[in-house]
Protein backbone atom coordinates (compact mmCIF):
# COMPACT_ATOMS: atom_id res chain seq x y z
CA MET A 1 -5.64 -23.77 -4.94
CA GLU A 2 -7.84 -20.76 -5.70
CA HIS A 3 -6.51 -18.60 -2.91
CA LYS A 4 -2.85 -18.78 -3.99
CA LEU A 5 -1.53 -16.47 -6.67
CA LYS A 6 -0.55 -18.56 -9.69
CA LYS A 7 3.20 -18.86 -10.00
CA ASP A 8 4.78 -17.24 -12.98
CA LYS A 9 6.83 -19.90 -14.78
CA THR A 10 9.74 -17.55 -15.25
CA GLN A 11 9.40 -15.98 -11.79
CA LYS A 12 10.15 -12.59 -13.31
CA TYR A 13 7.38 -10.82 -11.44
CA LYS A 14 8.55 -12.20 -8.11
CA LYS A 15 11.55 -9.90 -8.24
CA ILE A 16 9.49 -6.87 -7.24
CA ASN A 17 10.94 -5.30 -4.13
CA ALA A 18 8.07 -5.53 -1.64
CA TYR A 19 10.00 -3.51 0.96
CA ILE A 20 10.04 -0.39 -1.19
CA LEU A 21 7.56 -0.53 -4.04
CA GLN A 22 4.03 0.07 -2.89
CA VAL A 23 2.56 -1.61 -5.91
CA LEU A 24 1.93 -4.80 -4.01
CA LEU A 25 1.33 -3.35 -0.59
CA PHE A 26 0.81 -6.13 1.97
CA VAL A 27 0.66 -8.88 -0.70
CA TYR A 28 4.07 -10.59 -0.43
CA LEU A 29 4.60 -10.57 3.31
CA ALA A 30 6.96 -12.66 5.33
CA VAL A 31 5.30 -14.99 7.82
CA PHE A 32 5.38 -13.95 11.45
CA THR A 33 3.73 -16.14 14.04
CA PHE A 34 4.33 -14.00 17.10
CA GLY A 35 1.01 -12.30 17.74
CA CYS A 36 -0.39 -8.89 18.50
CA ASP A 37 -0.54 -7.41 21.94
CA GLU A 38 -3.50 -9.01 23.70
CA SER A 39 -3.75 -6.35 26.37
CA SER A 40 -6.89 -4.84 24.89
CA GLN A 41 -9.18 -7.78 24.07
CA THR A 42 -12.35 -7.00 22.13
CA THR A 43 -15.03 -8.96 20.32
CA SER A 44 -16.85 -8.26 17.09
CA ARG A 45 -19.74 -6.75 19.05
CA ASP A 46 -17.45 -3.95 20.29
CA PHE A 47 -17.13 -2.22 16.90
CA ASN A 48 -20.16 0.04 16.66
CA ALA A 49 -21.09 3.68 16.77
CA THR A 50 -21.73 3.73 20.50
CA ASN A 51 -18.62 1.87 21.65
CA ILE A 52 -15.86 2.77 19.24
CA GLY A 53 -13.21 3.67 21.79
CA ALA A 54 -11.85 0.17 22.43
CA PRO A 55 -11.01 -0.83 18.83
CA TRP A 56 -9.78 2.68 17.96
CA SER A 57 -7.43 2.73 20.94
CA LYS A 58 -6.29 -0.80 20.12
CA ALA A 59 -5.65 0.21 16.49
CA LEU A 60 -3.58 3.24 17.40
CA GLY A 61 -1.58 1.18 19.88
CA THR A 62 -0.94 -1.47 17.23
CA ILE A 63 0.56 1.11 14.89
CA GLN A 64 2.68 2.61 17.67
CA GLU A 65 4.02 -0.84 18.52
CA GLY A 66 4.66 -1.50 14.85
CA LEU A 67 6.80 1.61 14.56
CA ALA A 68 8.98 0.29 17.38
CA ASP A 69 9.06 -3.34 16.26
CA ASN A 70 12.38 -5.14 15.88
CA ASP A 71 11.59 -6.24 12.35
CA PRO A 72 12.14 -3.56 9.67
CA LEU A 73 9.28 -4.78 7.47
CA VAL A 74 6.85 -4.38 10.36
CA ARG A 75 8.16 -0.83 10.87
CA VAL A 76 7.71 -0.12 7.15
CA ARG A 77 4.09 -1.29 7.20
CA ALA A 78 3.35 0.80 10.28
CA LEU A 79 4.92 3.84 8.62
CA GLU A 80 2.72 3.37 5.57
CA VAL A 81 -0.38 3.32 7.79
CA VAL A 82 0.67 6.52 9.55
CA ALA A 83 0.95 8.25 6.17
CA ASP A 84 -2.19 6.74 4.66
CA THR A 85 -4.39 7.59 7.65
CA GLY A 86 -2.86 10.97 8.46
CA GLN A 87 -1.79 10.17 12.03
CA ILE A 88 0.06 13.40 12.73
CA ARG A 89 0.17 12.51 16.43
CA LEU A 90 2.59 9.70 15.59
CA MET A 91 4.95 11.80 13.48
CA PRO A 92 7.45 12.46 16.31
CA GLN A 93 7.98 8.69 16.40
CA VAL A 94 8.22 8.64 12.61
CA HIS A 95 10.82 11.41 12.81
CA GLN A 96 13.11 9.12 14.81
CA LEU A 97 12.90 6.48 12.08
CA LEU A 98 14.49 8.85 9.56
CA HIS A 99 17.74 7.72 11.16
CA ASP A 100 16.88 4.00 11.20
CA LYS A 101 19.64 1.57 10.27
CA SER A 102 17.32 -0.11 7.75
CA MET A 103 17.21 1.50 4.31
CA PRO A 104 13.55 0.57 3.60
CA VAL A 105 12.54 2.13 6.94
CA ARG A 106 14.35 5.38 6.15
CA PHE A 107 12.71 5.36 2.74
CA ALA A 108 9.22 4.87 4.19
CA ALA A 109 9.80 7.44 6.94
CA ALA A 110 10.84 10.07 4.40
CA LEU A 111 7.71 9.29 2.36
CA ALA A 112 5.55 9.72 5.45
CA VAL A 113 7.11 13.12 6.14
CA GLY A 114 6.43 14.16 2.57
CA ASP A 115 2.90 12.75 2.41
CA LEU A 116 1.86 14.52 5.61
CA GLU A 117 4.00 17.60 4.87
CA TYR A 118 5.47 17.39 8.35
CA SER A 119 7.68 20.48 8.44
CA PRO A 120 9.35 19.77 11.85
CA SER A 121 11.29 17.00 10.09
CA LYS A 122 12.53 19.15 7.22
CA SER A 123 16.05 19.53 8.60
CA SER A 124 16.45 15.78 9.17
CA VAL A 125 15.04 14.99 5.75
CA SER A 126 17.51 17.37 4.15
CA GLN A 127 20.31 15.32 5.73
CA LEU A 128 18.96 12.23 3.96
CA LEU A 129 19.72 13.92 0.64
CA LYS A 130 23.28 12.73 1.32
CA ASP A 131 22.27 9.19 2.32
CA SER A 132 24.45 6.36 1.03
CA ASP A 133 21.47 4.72 -0.68
CA ALA A 134 20.01 6.30 -3.82
CA ASN A 135 16.50 5.08 -2.96
CA VAL A 136 16.59 7.05 0.28
CA THR A 137 17.95 10.20 -1.37
CA THR A 138 15.11 9.96 -3.88
CA ALA A 139 12.56 9.68 -1.07
CA ALA A 140 14.19 12.64 0.66
CA ALA A 141 13.93 14.67 -2.56
CA TYR A 142 10.22 13.82 -2.69
CA ALA A 143 9.72 14.92 0.91
CA MET A 144 11.60 18.17 0.34
CA THR A 145 9.44 18.85 -2.71
CA LYS A 146 6.27 18.34 -0.67
CA LEU A 147 7.68 20.60 2.03
CA GLY A 148 7.94 23.47 -0.44
CA ALA A 149 11.42 23.05 -1.94
CA ALA A 150 10.21 22.58 -5.51
CA GLN A 151 13.75 22.47 -6.92
CA TYR A 152 14.12 18.89 -5.68
CA LEU A 153 11.53 17.70 -8.17
CA GLU A 154 14.36 17.71 -10.69
CA ALA A 155 16.15 15.05 -8.63
CA LEU A 156 13.14 12.76 -9.00
CA ARG A 157 13.10 13.30 -12.74
CA ASN A 158 16.79 12.48 -12.93
CA ALA A 159 16.35 9.35 -10.82
CA ILE A 160 13.81 7.89 -13.23
CA SER A 161 16.69 7.49 -15.69
CA SER A 162 18.90 5.69 -13.17
CA SER A 163 20.71 2.53 -14.25
CA ASP A 164 19.37 0.95 -11.05
CA GLN A 165 15.91 -0.41 -11.86
CA THR A 166 14.71 -0.21 -8.25
CA VAL A 167 15.70 3.46 -8.01
CA ARG A 168 14.01 4.07 -11.34
CA ALA A 169 10.78 2.38 -10.21
CA ASN A 170 10.74 4.28 -6.94
CA ALA A 171 11.28 7.55 -8.78
CA ALA A 172 8.25 6.72 -10.92
CA LEU A 173 6.20 6.07 -7.79
CA LEU A 174 7.26 9.36 -6.24
CA LEU A 175 6.64 11.39 -9.38
CA GLY A 176 3.12 10.00 -9.34
CA LYS A 177 2.69 10.90 -5.69
CA SER A 178 4.10 14.38 -6.27
CA GLY A 179 1.00 15.42 -8.20
CA ASP A 180 3.15 17.27 -10.74
CA LYS A 181 1.54 16.67 -14.13
CA SER A 182 4.49 18.22 -15.94
CA SER A 183 6.32 14.99 -15.05
CA LEU A 184 4.03 12.88 -17.24
CA GLU A 185 6.46 12.94 -20.15
CA PHE A 186 9.23 11.52 -17.94
CA LEU A 187 6.92 8.72 -16.82
CA ARG A 188 5.82 7.88 -20.36
CA ARG A 189 9.44 7.76 -21.44
CA ALA A 190 10.33 5.39 -18.61
CA MET A 191 7.33 3.18 -19.32
CA GLN A 192 8.19 2.88 -23.00
CA SER A 193 11.96 2.57 -22.63
CA LYS A 194 13.41 -0.75 -23.78
CA ASP A 195 15.84 -0.76 -20.87
CA SER A 196 13.10 -0.45 -18.24
CA ASP A 197 12.26 -3.71 -16.52
CA ASP A 198 8.73 -4.79 -15.61
CA ARG A 199 8.85 -3.07 -12.23
CA VAL A 200 9.50 0.27 -13.89
CA VAL A 201 6.94 -0.25 -16.65
CA TYR A 202 4.08 -1.13 -14.30
CA GLN A 203 5.00 1.43 -11.66
CA SER A 204 5.20 4.14 -14.31
CA ALA A 205 1.77 3.14 -15.59
CA GLU A 206 0.33 3.43 -12.08
CA ALA A 207 2.06 6.78 -11.55
CA ILE A 208 0.55 8.10 -14.78
CA ALA A 209 -2.85 6.97 -13.49
CA MET A 210 -2.16 8.76 -10.19
CA LEU A 211 -1.63 11.96 -12.16
CA GLY A 212 -5.02 11.53 -13.81
CA ASP A 213 -3.95 10.95 -17.41
CA GLU A 214 -6.87 9.01 -18.89
CA GLN A 215 -4.78 7.99 -21.90
CA ILE A 216 -3.18 5.33 -19.68
CA TYR A 217 -6.45 3.36 -19.54
CA PRO A 218 -5.63 0.99 -22.47
CA LYS A 219 -2.32 0.06 -20.81
CA LEU A 220 -4.06 -0.63 -17.52
CA TRP A 221 -6.66 -2.71 -19.32
CA THR A 222 -3.96 -4.93 -20.80
CA MET A 223 -2.72 -5.48 -17.25
CA LEU A 224 -6.19 -6.55 -16.14
CA ILE A 225 -6.41 -9.22 -18.83
CA SER A 226 -2.88 -10.52 -18.32
CA ALA A 227 -2.40 -14.26 -17.88
CA TYR A 228 -0.26 -13.44 -14.84
CA SER A 229 -2.31 -12.85 -11.72
CA ASP A 230 0.43 -10.65 -10.24
CA VAL A 231 0.10 -8.26 -13.17
CA ARG A 232 -3.70 -8.25 -12.92
CA LEU A 233 -3.35 -7.36 -9.26
CA MET A 234 -1.15 -4.37 -10.10
CA GLY A 235 -3.59 -3.35 -12.82
CA VAL A 236 -6.47 -3.36 -10.34
CA ARG A 237 -4.59 -1.05 -7.99
CA ALA A 238 -3.64 1.25 -10.84
CA MET A 239 -7.26 1.43 -12.05
CA GLY A 240 -8.21 2.54 -8.56
CA LYS A 241 -5.66 5.34 -8.80
CA LEU A 242 -7.04 6.47 -12.18
CA GLY A 243 -10.43 7.03 -10.61
CA THR A 244 -12.54 7.51 -13.75
CA PRO A 245 -16.01 6.01 -14.40
CA GLU A 246 -14.41 3.80 -17.05
CA ALA A 247 -11.84 2.58 -14.50
CA LYS A 248 -14.63 1.86 -12.02
CA ASN A 249 -16.48 -0.28 -14.55
CA ALA A 250 -13.29 -2.22 -15.20
CA LEU A 251 -12.90 -2.84 -11.47
CA ILE A 252 -16.45 -4.15 -11.21
CA ARG A 253 -15.56 -6.77 -13.82
CA MET A 254 -12.59 -7.83 -11.71
CA LEU A 255 -14.92 -8.80 -8.85
CA ASP A 256 -15.48 -11.99 -10.83
CA ASP A 257 -11.81 -12.88 -11.24
CA ASP A 258 -11.00 -16.49 -10.42
CA ILE A 259 -8.32 -15.44 -7.91
CA LEU A 260 -9.61 -14.45 -4.47
CA GLU A 261 -6.82 -11.95 -3.84
CA ILE A 262 -7.75 -10.04 -6.98
CA ARG A 263 -11.44 -9.99 -6.04
CA LEU A 264 -10.55 -8.56 -2.64
CA VAL A 265 -8.30 -5.84 -4.05
CA ALA A 266 -10.98 -4.96 -6.62
CA ALA A 267 -13.50 -4.63 -3.78
CA GLU A 268 -11.02 -2.43 -1.90
CA GLN A 269 -10.46 -0.15 -4.88
CA LEU A 270 -14.18 0.16 -5.51
CA GLY A 271 -14.43 1.23 -1.89
CA VAL A 272 -12.06 4.07 -2.78
CA PHE A 273 -14.78 5.10 -5.25
CA LYS A 274 -17.21 5.09 -2.29
CA ASP A 275 -19.01 2.16 -3.87
CA PRO A 276 -19.68 -0.81 -1.52
CA ILE A 277 -20.53 -3.17 -4.40
CA GLY A 278 -17.66 -5.44 -3.42
CA GLU A 279 -19.01 -6.01 0.09
CA ALA A 280 -20.36 -9.47 -0.75
CA LYS A 281 -16.97 -10.63 -2.04
CA VAL A 282 -15.32 -9.62 1.23
CA LEU A 283 -18.09 -11.09 3.35
CA GLU A 284 -17.56 -14.46 1.68
CA VAL A 285 -14.18 -14.74 3.39
CA PHE A 286 -15.99 -15.02 6.73
CA GLU A 287 -19.27 -16.65 5.73
CA LYS A 288 -17.63 -19.35 3.59
CA ASN A 289 -14.53 -19.61 5.77
CA LEU A 290 -12.32 -19.18 2.72
CA THR A 291 -9.10 -19.24 4.74
CA SER A 292 -9.79 -22.74 6.02
CA GLY A 293 -7.17 -25.23 4.93
CA LEU A 294 -4.70 -22.60 3.71
CA ASP A 295 -1.10 -22.60 4.84
CA THR A 296 0.04 -19.87 7.23
CA GLU A 297 1.37 -17.54 4.55
CA ALA A 298 -1.68 -17.77 2.31
CA ARG A 299 -4.05 -17.31 5.25
CA GLU A 300 -2.11 -14.24 6.34
CA ARG A 301 -2.23 -12.78 2.85
CA ILE A 302 -6.01 -13.25 2.57
CA ASN A 303 -6.62 -11.76 6.02
CA VAL A 304 -4.48 -8.72 5.21
CA LEU A 305 -6.29 -8.04 1.96
CA THR A 306 -9.65 -8.61 3.64
CA ALA A 307 -8.84 -6.05 6.32
CA LEU A 308 -7.66 -3.53 3.74
CA ALA A 309 -10.86 -3.96 1.75
CA ILE A 310 -12.97 -3.45 4.87
CA GLY A 311 -11.05 -0.23 5.54
CA GLN A 312 -12.26 1.24 2.26
CA ILE A 313 -15.81 -0.14 2.24
CA CYS A 314 -16.58 0.51 5.93
CA THR A 315 -20.10 -0.91 6.02
CA PRO A 316 -21.37 -2.16 9.40
CA THR A 317 -21.73 -5.63 7.89
CA LEU A 318 -17.96 -5.76 7.46
CA THR A 319 -16.55 -3.54 10.22
CA LYS A 320 -17.94 -5.91 12.86
CA PHE A 321 -15.12 -8.29 11.90
CA LEU A 322 -12.31 -5.80 12.53
CA PRO A 323 -11.90 -6.44 16.27
CA GLN A 324 -11.19 -10.11 15.67
CA LEU A 325 -8.69 -9.23 12.93
CA LEU A 326 -6.99 -6.90 15.39
CA GLN A 327 -6.29 -9.98 17.51
CA ASN A 328 -4.81 -12.08 14.71
CA GLU A 329 -1.59 -14.00 15.33
CA SER A 330 0.11 -12.12 12.48
CA LYS A 331 1.44 -8.63 13.08
CA PHE A 332 0.80 -7.79 9.45
CA VAL A 333 -2.87 -8.69 9.74
CA CYS A 334 -3.09 -6.63 12.92
CA ILE A 335 -1.54 -3.61 11.20
CA ALA A 336 -3.90 -3.94 8.23
CA ALA A 337 -6.87 -4.23 10.59
CA ALA A 338 -5.65 -1.23 12.59
CA LYS A 339 -5.47 0.77 9.37
CA ALA A 340 -9.06 -0.23 8.59
CA VAL A 341 -10.26 0.83 12.03
CA LEU A 342 -8.57 4.22 11.70
CA GLN A 343 -10.07 4.69 8.24
CA CYS A 344 -13.58 3.66 9.23
CA THR A 345 -13.65 5.80 12.37
CA LYS A 346 -12.07 8.87 10.78
């Protein structure tokens, strides 16, 4: 079926840790059938310039509820939205999650503190430098670096040589997010190392793109033409991070990929370029009812990616669908839609 990512025969790309790595944000989600809070019902007509309060309030409430959800993956997704949309008002709640019993939640909370440079949490983050999990200590080192303690950048560089491939991949991610171009050599070394697994190789490539090194383009192009749809998907996201005219042209080509998920992510990344050229691909999901007949997991995945694409494109033609996505039965779809609302009303 077109809407399902083709399965890799060896399953080697399915080992990517979706809790921690942000390469495949929202793609491999568990299925949750308990729905969003219905206390603030809206319709598609409610999302417009003159009556924006209802969906915005609903979106913010959805993220707040997500931060307090019983499931750690829901909390992780909500934390990512706080960081990506700059919701400083929610950082006191994020601060509490630095002490969460779930390692991925502590990891994501530390990243949010670093991304938003939230100095009131500096003391708590410093305590995470002694966390029992190396992924969390790496995230804490990133946050401390962003909070002005530049000496902790060395900890990230050391972590990219870890024997633990997940720690190594996360270190690559964080070096890319750090903005420190002097770390490019460490990333190239990790990408080219024979003892780096695919997670590390592809995450390092994306991190190099995040740091603006245009020499990574050929590597990203090979990802876009991979026979594995999972790899193409990661290549699309990385091209969006590179942000060059050449990368944009490559993304336009991906709007014609035979996999719907890849078309949607390409449309999203082109939206990052402030180019709404992918609008028609997203609109097809609604006009052609492309989720009809899909199983619950596939339908959830398409709805999440659709919401994320709308959040970057933000044309009235698409934003009118956000209120109905905010009422989806899946919490992950609701969180993605809430992110889109916050982005489009910023």
